[in-house]
Amino acid sequence: MSTPASTATDDHQGKSAVEQITFRFCSECSNMLYPKEDEETHRLQFTCRTCHFTEQATSTCVFRNVMNNAAGETAGVTQDVGSDPTLPREIINCPQCNHNEAVFFQSQQRSAETGMKLFYVCCECGHIFQTQ
């Protein structure tokens, strides 16, 4: 039982194809196959550590680590932030519960396009909102 070979997939926004890496399993004993170099031909293979079954790799990519750097504007903000006595407070009505006290903070995104945005967190219900 072996998984399909790694495949290339296209992103919706028209970005370049990203190769999907999957685990591979031995067709003889169903244990996991591990990458190994054939030292004579300098080619990548997948080999079973149990029964020594070997197959040629169809791709040279063994591992892909995709990092997502996008942090939301309110990343890390929890609803109980309203009880933090160190945050600045303002008298402003919450659009959800109409309570009149909220803490506020600046946007968590740091880029040239992002202006200074203030976010408010209601001290009563924890609703996060902005004013126009």
C-alpha atoms as a PDB file:
ATOM      1  CA  MET A   1       0.000   0.000   0.000  1.00  0.00           C
ATOM      2  CA  SER A   2       1.665   3.144  -1.207  1.00  0.00           C
ATOM      3  CA  THR A   3       0.528   6.760  -1.304  1.00  0.00           C
ATOM      4  CA  PRO A   4       0.331   8.601  -4.598  1.00  0.00           C
ATOM      5  CA  ALA A   5       3.425  10.403  -5.788  1.00  0.00           C
ATOM      6  CA  SER A   6       3.811  14.009  -4.771  1.00  0.00           C
ATOM      7  CA  THR A   7       1.590  16.291  -6.781  1.00  0.00           C
ATOM      8  CA  ALA A   8       1.657  19.909  -7.861  1.00  0.00           C
ATOM      9  CA  THR A   9      -1.376  22.058  -7.036  1.00  0.00           C
ATOM     10  CA  ASP A  10      -2.319  25.504  -8.276  1.00  0.00           C
ATOM     11  CA  ASP A  11      -3.416  28.198  -5.872  1.00  0.00           C
ATOM     12  CA  HIS A  12      -6.716  30.070  -6.535  1.00  0.00           C
ATOM     13  CA  GLN A  13      -4.968  33.427  -6.929  1.00  0.00           C
ATOM     14  CA  GLY A  14      -2.838  32.237  -9.846  1.00  0.00           C
ATOM     15  CA  LYS A  15       0.390  31.803  -7.866  1.00  0.00           C
ATOM     16  CA  SER A  16       2.961  29.277  -9.031  1.00  0.00           C
ATOM     17  CA  ALA A  17       2.342  25.587  -8.457  1.00  0.00           C
ATOM     18  CA  VAL A  18       3.290  24.239  -5.045  1.00  0.00           C
ATOM     19  CA  GLU A  19       4.349  20.638  -4.802  1.00  0.00           C
ATOM     20  CA  GLN A  20       2.456  18.676  -2.147  1.00  0.00           C
ATOM     21  CA  ILE A  21       4.592  16.276  -0.125  1.00  0.00           C
ATOM     22  CA  THR A  22       2.953  13.102   1.171  1.00  0.00           C
ATOM     23  CA  PHE A  23       4.095  10.211   3.322  1.00  0.00           C
ATOM     24  CA  ARG A  24       5.046   7.113   1.368  1.00  0.00           C
ATOM     25  CA  PHE A  25       4.487   3.537   2.509  1.00  0.00           C
ATOM     26  CA  CYS A  26       6.089   0.218   1.571  1.00  0.00           C
ATOM     27  CA  SER A  27       4.098  -1.911  -0.880  1.00  0.00           C
ATOM     28  CA  GLU A  28       5.558  -5.060   0.714  1.00  0.00           C
ATOM     29  CA  CYS A  29       5.060  -4.562   4.485  1.00  0.00           C
ATOM     30  CA  SER A  30       3.138  -1.237   4.749  1.00  0.00           C
ATOM     31  CA  ASN A  31       5.785   0.448   6.895  1.00  0.00           C
ATOM     32  CA  MET A  32       6.858   3.986   6.164  1.00  0.00           C
ATOM     33  CA  LEU A  33       9.430   4.640   3.428  1.00  0.00           C
ATOM     34  CA  TYR A  34      12.313   6.990   4.177  1.00  0.00           C
ATOM     35  CA  PRO A  35      14.361   9.098   1.740  1.00  0.00           C
ATOM     36  CA  LYS A  36      17.819   7.779   0.943  1.00  0.00           C
ATOM     37  CA  GLU A  37      20.444   8.526  -1.693  1.00  0.00           C
ATOM     38  CA  ASP A  38      21.585   5.808  -4.051  1.00  0.00           C
ATOM     39  CA  GLU A  39      25.317   6.476  -3.668  1.00  0.00           C
ATOM     40  CA  GLU A  40      26.261   4.900  -7.022  1.00  0.00           C
ATOM     41  CA  THR A  41      23.855   6.887  -9.199  1.00  0.00           C
ATOM     42  CA  HIS A  42      23.367   9.862  -6.846  1.00  0.00           C
ATOM     43  CA  ARG A  43      19.582   9.539  -7.176  1.00  0.00           C
ATOM     44  CA  LEU A  44      16.929   9.914  -4.512  1.00  0.00           C
ATOM     45  CA  GLN A  45      15.135   6.759  -3.421  1.00  0.00           C
ATOM     46  CA  PHE A  46      12.591   5.802  -0.794  1.00  0.00           C
ATOM     47  CA  THR A  47      13.562   2.745   1.267  1.00  0.00           C
ATOM     48  CA  CYS A  48      11.771   0.652   3.867  1.00  0.00           C
ATOM     49  CA  ARG A  49      13.809   0.230   7.055  1.00  0.00           C
ATOM     50  CA  THR A  50      12.109  -3.093   7.813  1.00  0.00           C
ATOM     51  CA  CYS A  51      12.184  -5.158   4.616  1.00  0.00           C
ATOM     52  CA  HIS A  52      14.566  -2.931   2.583  1.00  0.00           C
ATOM     53  CA  PHE A  53      12.097  -2.496  -0.289  1.00  0.00           C
ATOM     54  CA  THR A  54      13.299   0.444  -2.430  1.00  0.00           C
ATOM     55  CA  GLU A  55      11.645   2.594  -5.066  1.00  0.00           C
ATOM     56  CA  GLN A  56      12.926   5.525  -7.097  1.00  0.00           C
ATOM     57  CA  ALA A  57      11.627   8.931  -6.094  1.00  0.00           C
ATOM     58  CA  THR A  58       9.511  10.719  -8.678  1.00  0.00           C
ATOM     59  CA  SER A  59      10.469  14.113  -7.242  1.00  0.00           C
ATOM     60  CA  THR A  60      13.548  15.598  -5.609  1.00  0.00           C
ATOM     61  CA  CYS A  61      11.513  17.345  -2.923  1.00  0.00           C
ATOM     62  CA  VAL A  62      11.450  15.448   0.375  1.00  0.00           C
ATOM     63  CA  PHE A  63      10.183  18.089   2.805  1.00  0.00           C
ATOM     64  CA  ARG A  64       8.479  21.461   2.421  1.00  0.00           C
ATOM     65  CA  ASN A  65       8.003  23.900   5.293  1.00  0.00           C
ATOM     66  CA  VAL A  66       5.482  26.565   4.330  1.00  0.00           C
ATOM     67  CA  MET A  67       5.514  29.519   6.703  1.00  0.00           C
ATOM     68  CA  ASN A  68       2.499  31.771   7.039  1.00  0.00           C
ATOM     69  CA  ASN A  69       3.635  35.230   8.132  1.00  0.00           C
ATOM     70  CA  ALA A  70       0.289  36.977   7.902  1.00  0.00           C
ATOM     71  CA  ALA A  71      -0.797  38.180  11.319  1.00  0.00           C
ATOM     72  CA  GLY A  72      -4.277  39.538  11.665  1.00  0.00           C
ATOM     73  CA  GLU A  73      -4.845  43.063  12.885  1.00  0.00           C
ATOM     74  CA  THR A  74      -6.193  41.775  16.193  1.00  0.00           C
ATOM     75  CA  ALA A  75      -3.840  38.783  16.549  1.00  0.00           C
ATOM     76  CA  GLY A  76      -3.472  37.596  20.119  1.00  0.00           C
ATOM     77  CA  VAL A  77      -6.360  39.660  21.471  1.00  0.00           C
ATOM     78  CA  THR A  78      -8.640  37.745  23.825  1.00  0.00           C
ATOM     79  CA  GLN A  79     -12.024  38.748  25.173  1.00  0.00           C
ATOM     80  CA  ASP A  80     -10.717  39.144  28.736  1.00  0.00           C
ATOM     81  CA  VAL A  81      -8.340  41.928  27.633  1.00  0.00           C
ATOM     82  CA  GLY A  82     -10.964  44.347  28.998  1.00  0.00           C
ATOM     83  CA  SER A  83      -9.964  43.404  32.547  1.00  0.00           C
ATOM     84  CA  ASP A  84      -6.301  44.407  31.986  1.00  0.00           C
ATOM     85  CA  PRO A  85      -5.741  47.483  34.189  1.00  0.00           C
ATOM     86  CA  THR A  86      -2.637  48.550  32.227  1.00  0.00           C
ATOM     87  CA  LEU A  87      -4.504  49.226  28.958  1.00  0.00           C
ATOM     88  CA  PRO A  88      -5.913  52.677  28.190  1.00  0.00           C
ATOM     89  CA  ARG A  89      -9.695  53.045  28.507  1.00  0.00           C
ATOM     90  CA  GLU A  90     -12.232  55.236  26.791  1.00  0.00           C
ATOM     91  CA  ILE A  91     -15.885  56.059  27.292  1.00  0.00           C
ATOM     92  CA  ILE A  92     -17.419  54.689  24.077  1.00  0.00           C
ATOM     93  CA  ASN A  93     -20.603  52.690  23.469  1.00  0.00           C
ATOM     94  CA  CYS A  94     -20.210  49.064  22.417  1.00  0.00           C
ATOM     95  CA  PRO A  95     -22.268  48.357  19.281  1.00  0.00           C
ATOM     96  CA  GLN A  96     -23.127  44.875  20.592  1.00  0.00           C
ATOM     97  CA  CYS A  97     -24.171  45.371  24.247  1.00  0.00           C
ATOM     98  CA  ASN A  98     -24.241  49.212  24.505  1.00  0.00           C
ATOM     99  CA  HIS A  99     -21.879  49.205  27.513  1.00  0.00           C
ATOM    100  CA  ASN A 100     -20.001  52.517  27.679  1.00  0.00           C
ATOM    101  CA  GLU A 101     -16.434  51.483  28.584  1.00  0.00           C
ATOM    102  CA  ALA A 102     -13.797  49.877  26.358  1.00  0.00           C
ATOM    103  CA  VAL A 103     -10.043  49.411  26.288  1.00  0.00           C
ATOM    104  CA  PHE A 104      -8.248  50.283  23.057  1.00  0.00           C
ATOM    105  CA  PHE A 105      -5.050  49.350  21.266  1.00  0.00           C
ATOM    106  CA  GLN A 106      -3.334  49.904  17.931  1.00  0.00           C
ATOM    107  CA  SER A 107      -3.428  47.495  14.982  1.00  0.00           C
ATOM    108  CA  GLN A 108      -1.027  44.559  15.337  1.00  0.00           C
ATOM    109  CA  GLN A 109      -0.027  44.680  11.659  1.00  0.00           C
ATOM    110  CA  ARG A 110       3.190  46.525  10.937  1.00  0.00           C
ATOM    111  CA  SER A 111       3.543  47.555   7.317  1.00  0.00           C
ATOM    112  CA  ALA A 112       3.879  50.710   5.245  1.00  0.00           C
ATOM    113  CA  GLU A 113       0.285  50.421   3.967  1.00  0.00           C
ATOM    114  CA  THR A 114      -1.269  50.057   7.416  1.00  0.00           C
ATOM    115  CA  GLY A 115      -2.211  53.352   8.961  1.00  0.00           C
ATOM    116  CA  MET A 116      -2.797  53.812  12.651  1.00  0.00           C
ATOM    117  CA  LYS A 117      -5.987  51.848  13.336  1.00  0.00           C
ATOM    118  CA  LEU A 118      -7.492  51.752  16.792  1.00  0.00           C
ATOM    119  CA  PHE A 119      -9.410  48.720  17.967  1.00  0.00           C
ATOM    120  CA  TYR A 120     -11.707  48.757  20.968  1.00  0.00           C
ATOM    121  CA  VAL A 121     -12.594  45.823  23.222  1.00  0.00           C
ATOM    122  CA  CYS A 122     -15.754  46.170  25.282  1.00  0.00           C
ATOM    123  CA  CYS A 123     -15.051  45.746  29.002  1.00  0.00           C
ATOM    124  CA  GLU A 124     -18.458  44.099  29.471  1.00  0.00           C
ATOM    125  CA  CYS A 125     -18.928  41.586  26.610  1.00  0.00           C
ATOM    126  CA  GLY A 126     -15.414  41.447  25.021  1.00  0.00           C
ATOM    127  CA  HIS A 127     -16.671  42.487  21.565  1.00  0.00           C
ATOM    128  CA  ILE A 128     -13.853  43.857  19.339  1.00  0.00           C
ATOM    129  CA  PHE A 129     -14.845  46.846  17.191  1.00  0.00           C
ATOM    130  CA  GLN A 130     -13.580  49.937  15.356  1.00  0.00           C
ATOM    131  CA  THR A 131     -15.047  53.407  14.961  1.00  0.00           C
ATOM    132  CA  GLN A 132     -15.350  55.155  11.630  1.00  0.00           C
END
